[in-house]
């Protein structure tokens, strides 16, 4: 993690969250399925107590592309 203005070195080690949406992850790919796979690979690298994410984002669009 790079430097964050106004935060001490100790504070940079932890990002407190109080619930709700605390992080947005986006990715690009050659098609929607590739972008989805890249986004979920990025999500897998993020972890903190109580973290979870939906695993269906983009699925409707992928199904439409497959038709």
Protein backbone atom coordinates (compact mmCIF):
# COMPACT_ATOMS: atom_id res chain seq x y z
CA UNK A 1 0.00 0.00 0.00
CA UNK A 2 1.40 3.39 -0.95
CA UNK A 3 1.58 6.43 1.27
CA UNK A 4 -1.65 8.12 2.30
CA UNK A 5 -1.58 11.83 3.08
CA UNK A 6 -2.44 12.70 6.66
CA UNK A 7 -2.14 9.19 8.09
CA UNK A 8 0.57 7.99 10.42
CA UNK A 9 2.59 4.87 9.47
CA UNK A 10 0.67 2.85 12.09
CA UNK A 11 -2.68 4.06 10.74
CA UNK A 12 -1.70 3.03 7.21
CA UNK A 13 -1.59 -0.60 8.34
CA UNK A 14 -5.31 -0.80 9.07
CA UNK A 15 -8.30 0.61 7.21
CA UNK A 16 -11.25 0.66 9.61
CA UNK A 17 -14.72 0.02 8.24
CA UNK A 18 -18.08 0.28 9.95
CA UNK A 19 -20.03 -1.86 7.52
CA UNK A 20 -21.69 -1.11 4.23
CA UNK A 21 -19.75 -0.82 1.00
CA UNK A 22 -16.15 -0.09 1.90
CA UNK A 23 -14.39 -0.93 -1.36
CA UNK A 24 -15.14 -0.86 -5.08
CA UNK A 25 -13.21 -3.14 -7.43
CA UNK A 26 -13.28 -2.80 -11.21
CA UNK A 27 -11.37 -4.51 -13.98
CA UNK A 28 -11.11 -4.64 -17.75
CA UNK A 29 -10.98 -7.60 -20.09
CA UNK A 30 -11.39 -8.61 -23.71
CA UNK A 31 -15.06 -9.38 -22.95
CA UNK A 32 -17.36 -9.26 -19.94
CA UNK A 33 -16.40 -12.72 -18.70
CA UNK A 34 -12.69 -11.81 -18.76
CA UNK A 35 -13.37 -8.54 -16.94
CA UNK A 36 -15.45 -10.39 -14.33
CA UNK A 37 -12.67 -12.95 -13.80
CA UNK A 38 -10.09 -10.18 -13.40
CA UNK A 39 -12.28 -8.30 -10.91
CA UNK A 40 -12.88 -11.41 -8.82
CA UNK A 41 -9.15 -12.23 -8.88
CA UNK A 42 -8.53 -8.75 -7.47
CA UNK A 43 -11.24 -9.27 -4.82
CA UNK A 44 -9.52 -12.47 -3.73
CA UNK A 45 -6.41 -10.43 -2.86
CA UNK A 46 -8.35 -8.21 -0.45
CA UNK A 47 -9.27 -9.45 2.98
CA UNK A 48 -10.30 -8.10 6.33
CA UNK A 49 -12.47 -9.27 9.21
CA UNK A 50 -16.04 -9.66 8.03
CA UNK A 51 -15.18 -9.06 4.37
CA UNK A 52 -17.47 -10.53 1.74
CA UNK A 53 -18.44 -9.76 -1.83
CA UNK A 54 -21.13 -10.75 -4.27
CA UNK A 55 -20.17 -13.41 -6.79
CA UNK A 56 -22.90 -12.76 -9.33
CA UNK A 57 -21.99 -9.29 -10.63
CA UNK A 58 -21.99 -9.33 -14.43
CA UNK A 59 -23.53 -12.78 -14.70
CA UNK A 60 -26.69 -11.63 -16.51
CA UNK A 61 -24.59 -9.84 -19.12
CA UNK A 62 -22.38 -12.88 -19.61
CA UNK A 63 -25.42 -15.08 -20.14
CA UNK A 64 -26.76 -12.62 -22.74
CA UNK A 65 -23.41 -12.64 -24.57
CA UNK A 66 -23.45 -16.44 -24.72
CA UNK A 67 -26.82 -16.53 -26.54
